[in-house]
Amino acid sequence: MSENATNYLELEYEHLYNVRDQTILFLKMCPKTTGLAEEMLTWLDQKVKMLGERLMQQMD
C-alpha cells in the first residue's frame, strides 16, 4: 500500500477511535437512550478493531 493510503488509514482509524470514545462518554452521561448509541458503539468498535488490524499488518 502506498504511503498516502497508509496515512489515510491512520487518519480514519484515529477519527473513528475518537468518535467511539465520545459515544462511550455520551452513554455514561445519558444511560437511558433509545439504543441507537449502543448500536453505533458496536459498529464503531468493530470498525476500529478492523482498521487497527490492517494498520498492524502494514507495519509488519
N, C-alpha and C. Protein backbone atom coordinates (compact mmCIF):
# COMPACT_ATOMS: atom_id res chain seq x y z
N MET A 1 0.84 -1.17 0.00
CA MET A 1 0.00 0.00 0.00
C MET A 1 0.90 1.25 0.00
N SER A 2 0.47 2.27 -0.67
CA SER A 2 1.27 3.47 -0.75
C SER A 2 1.27 4.22 0.58
N GLU A 3 2.21 5.15 0.69
CA GLU A 3 2.31 5.93 1.93
C GLU A 3 1.07 6.78 2.14
N ASN A 4 0.50 7.33 1.04
CA ASN A 4 -0.72 8.13 1.16
C ASN A 4 -1.89 7.30 1.66
N ALA A 5 -2.00 6.08 1.16
CA ALA A 5 -3.08 5.20 1.60
C ALA A 5 -2.92 4.84 3.07
N THR A 6 -1.68 4.62 3.49
CA THR A 6 -1.42 4.32 4.89
C THR A 6 -1.76 5.51 5.78
N ASN A 7 -1.38 6.70 5.34
CA ASN A 7 -1.70 7.91 6.11
C ASN A 7 -3.21 8.10 6.22
N TYR A 8 -3.92 7.86 5.13
CA TYR A 8 -5.38 7.98 5.16
C TYR A 8 -5.98 6.96 6.13
N LEU A 9 -5.47 5.74 6.11
CA LEU A 9 -5.96 4.69 7.00
C LEU A 9 -5.72 5.08 8.46
N GLU A 10 -4.56 5.66 8.74
CA GLU A 10 -4.27 6.10 10.11
C GLU A 10 -5.22 7.21 10.54
N LEU A 11 -5.49 8.16 9.65
CA LEU A 11 -6.42 9.24 9.98
C LEU A 11 -7.83 8.72 10.23
N GLU A 12 -8.26 7.78 9.38
CA GLU A 12 -9.58 7.20 9.55
C GLU A 12 -9.67 6.46 10.88
N TYR A 13 -8.63 5.70 11.22
CA TYR A 13 -8.58 4.97 12.48
C TYR A 13 -8.68 5.94 13.66
N GLU A 14 -7.87 6.99 13.64
CA GLU A 14 -7.87 7.95 14.74
C GLU A 14 -9.23 8.63 14.88
N HIS A 15 -9.83 9.00 13.76
CA HIS A 15 -11.13 9.66 13.80
C HIS A 15 -12.20 8.75 14.40
N LEU A 16 -12.28 7.52 13.90
CA LEU A 16 -13.29 6.60 14.41
C LEU A 16 -13.04 6.24 15.87
N TYR A 17 -11.77 6.15 16.27
CA TYR A 17 -11.45 5.88 17.67
C TYR A 17 -11.95 7.03 18.55
N ASN A 18 -11.76 8.27 18.09
CA ASN A 18 -12.23 9.43 18.86
C ASN A 18 -13.76 9.47 18.93
N VAL A 19 -14.42 9.17 17.82
CA VAL A 19 -15.89 9.14 17.83
C VAL A 19 -16.38 8.05 18.77
N ARG A 20 -15.69 6.92 18.78
CA ARG A 20 -16.03 5.82 19.69
C ARG A 20 -15.92 6.28 21.14
N ASP A 21 -14.83 6.98 21.47
CA ASP A 21 -14.66 7.48 22.83
C ASP A 21 -15.75 8.47 23.21
N GLN A 22 -16.13 9.33 22.28
CA GLN A 22 -17.20 10.30 22.54
C GLN A 22 -18.53 9.59 22.76
N THR A 23 -18.77 8.52 22.03
CA THR A 23 -20.01 7.76 22.20
C THR A 23 -20.04 7.09 23.57
N ILE A 24 -18.90 6.58 24.01
CA ILE A 24 -18.83 5.97 25.35
C ILE A 24 -19.14 7.02 26.42
N LEU A 25 -18.56 8.21 26.28
CA LEU A 25 -18.85 9.28 27.24
C LEU A 25 -20.32 9.66 27.22
N PHE A 26 -20.90 9.74 26.04
CA PHE A 26 -22.33 10.05 25.92
C PHE A 26 -23.16 9.02 26.66
N LEU A 27 -22.84 7.76 26.47
CA LEU A 27 -23.60 6.70 27.14
C LEU A 27 -23.45 6.75 28.65
N LYS A 28 -22.28 7.18 29.14
CA LYS A 28 -22.10 7.31 30.59
C LYS A 28 -22.92 8.47 31.14
N MET A 29 -23.01 9.55 30.35
CA MET A 29 -23.76 10.72 30.80
C MET A 29 -25.26 10.54 30.62
N CYS A 30 -25.67 9.82 29.61
CA CYS A 30 -27.10 9.62 29.29
C CYS A 30 -27.38 8.13 29.12
N PRO A 31 -27.42 7.39 30.20
CA PRO A 31 -27.58 5.93 30.07
C PRO A 31 -28.93 5.49 29.52
N LYS A 32 -29.95 6.34 29.63
CA LYS A 32 -31.28 5.97 29.13
C LYS A 32 -31.44 6.48 27.71
N THR A 33 -30.98 5.70 26.75
CA THR A 33 -31.07 6.08 25.34
C THR A 33 -32.00 5.13 24.62
N THR A 34 -32.25 5.42 23.35
CA THR A 34 -33.16 4.58 22.56
C THR A 34 -32.47 3.32 22.03
N GLY A 35 -31.18 3.20 22.25
CA GLY A 35 -30.47 2.03 21.75
C GLY A 35 -29.63 2.33 20.53
N LEU A 36 -29.88 3.45 19.89
CA LEU A 36 -29.11 3.80 18.70
C LEU A 36 -27.63 4.00 19.04
N ALA A 37 -27.36 4.64 20.17
CA ALA A 37 -25.98 4.88 20.57
C ALA A 37 -25.25 3.56 20.81
N GLU A 38 -25.94 2.58 21.39
CA GLU A 38 -25.32 1.28 21.61
C GLU A 38 -25.00 0.59 20.29
N GLU A 39 -25.91 0.71 19.32
CA GLU A 39 -25.67 0.13 18.00
C GLU A 39 -24.49 0.80 17.32
N MET A 40 -24.43 2.13 17.43
CA MET A 40 -23.31 2.86 16.85
C MET A 40 -22.00 2.46 17.50
N LEU A 41 -22.02 2.29 18.82
CA LEU A 41 -20.81 1.90 19.54
C LEU A 41 -20.34 0.52 19.10
N THR A 42 -21.26 -0.40 18.91
CA THR A 42 -20.90 -1.74 18.44
C THR A 42 -20.25 -1.66 17.07
N TRP A 43 -20.84 -0.88 16.16
CA TRP A 43 -20.29 -0.72 14.82
C TRP A 43 -18.91 -0.07 14.88
N LEU A 44 -18.78 0.99 15.70
CA LEU A 44 -17.50 1.68 15.82
C LEU A 44 -16.43 0.76 16.40
N ASP A 45 -16.78 -0.04 17.40
CA ASP A 45 -15.82 -1.00 17.96
C ASP A 45 -15.31 -1.94 16.89
N GLN A 46 -16.21 -2.47 16.08
CA GLN A 46 -15.82 -3.41 15.03
C GLN A 46 -14.93 -2.73 13.99
N LYS A 47 -15.30 -1.53 13.58
CA LYS A 47 -14.54 -0.81 12.56
C LYS A 47 -13.15 -0.42 13.08
N VAL A 48 -13.07 0.06 14.32
CA VAL A 48 -11.78 0.42 14.91
C VAL A 48 -10.89 -0.80 15.01
N LYS A 49 -11.45 -1.92 15.43
CA LYS A 49 -10.67 -3.16 15.54
C LYS A 49 -10.15 -3.59 14.17
N MET A 50 -11.01 -3.55 13.16
CA MET A 50 -10.61 -3.95 11.81
C MET A 50 -9.51 -3.04 11.27
N LEU A 51 -9.68 -1.72 11.42
CA LEU A 51 -8.67 -0.78 10.92
C LEU A 51 -7.36 -0.93 11.69
N GLY A 52 -7.44 -1.17 12.98
CA GLY A 52 -6.23 -1.40 13.78
C GLY A 52 -5.47 -2.61 13.31
N GLU A 53 -6.20 -3.68 12.99
CA GLU A 53 -5.55 -4.90 12.49
C GLU A 53 -4.88 -4.64 11.13
N ARG A 54 -5.56 -3.88 10.26
CA ARG A 54 -4.98 -3.56 8.95
C ARG A 54 -3.73 -2.71 9.10
N LEU A 55 -3.77 -1.77 10.03
CA LEU A 55 -2.57 -0.94 10.28
C LEU A 55 -1.41 -1.79 10.79
N MET A 56 -1.70 -2.70 11.68
CA MET A 56 -0.64 -3.57 12.22
C MET A 56 -0.04 -4.44 11.13
N GLN A 57 -0.86 -4.93 10.20
CA GLN A 57 -0.36 -5.73 9.09
C GLN A 57 0.55 -4.90 8.21
N GLN A 58 0.21 -3.65 7.99
CA GLN A 58 1.02 -2.79 7.13
C GLN A 58 2.34 -2.44 7.80
N MET A 59 2.35 -2.36 9.12
CA MET A 59 3.58 -2.01 9.84
C MET A 59 4.57 -3.17 9.84
N ASP A 60 4.06 -4.38 9.69
CA ASP A 60 4.95 -5.57 9.69
C ASP A 60 5.75 -5.69 8.45
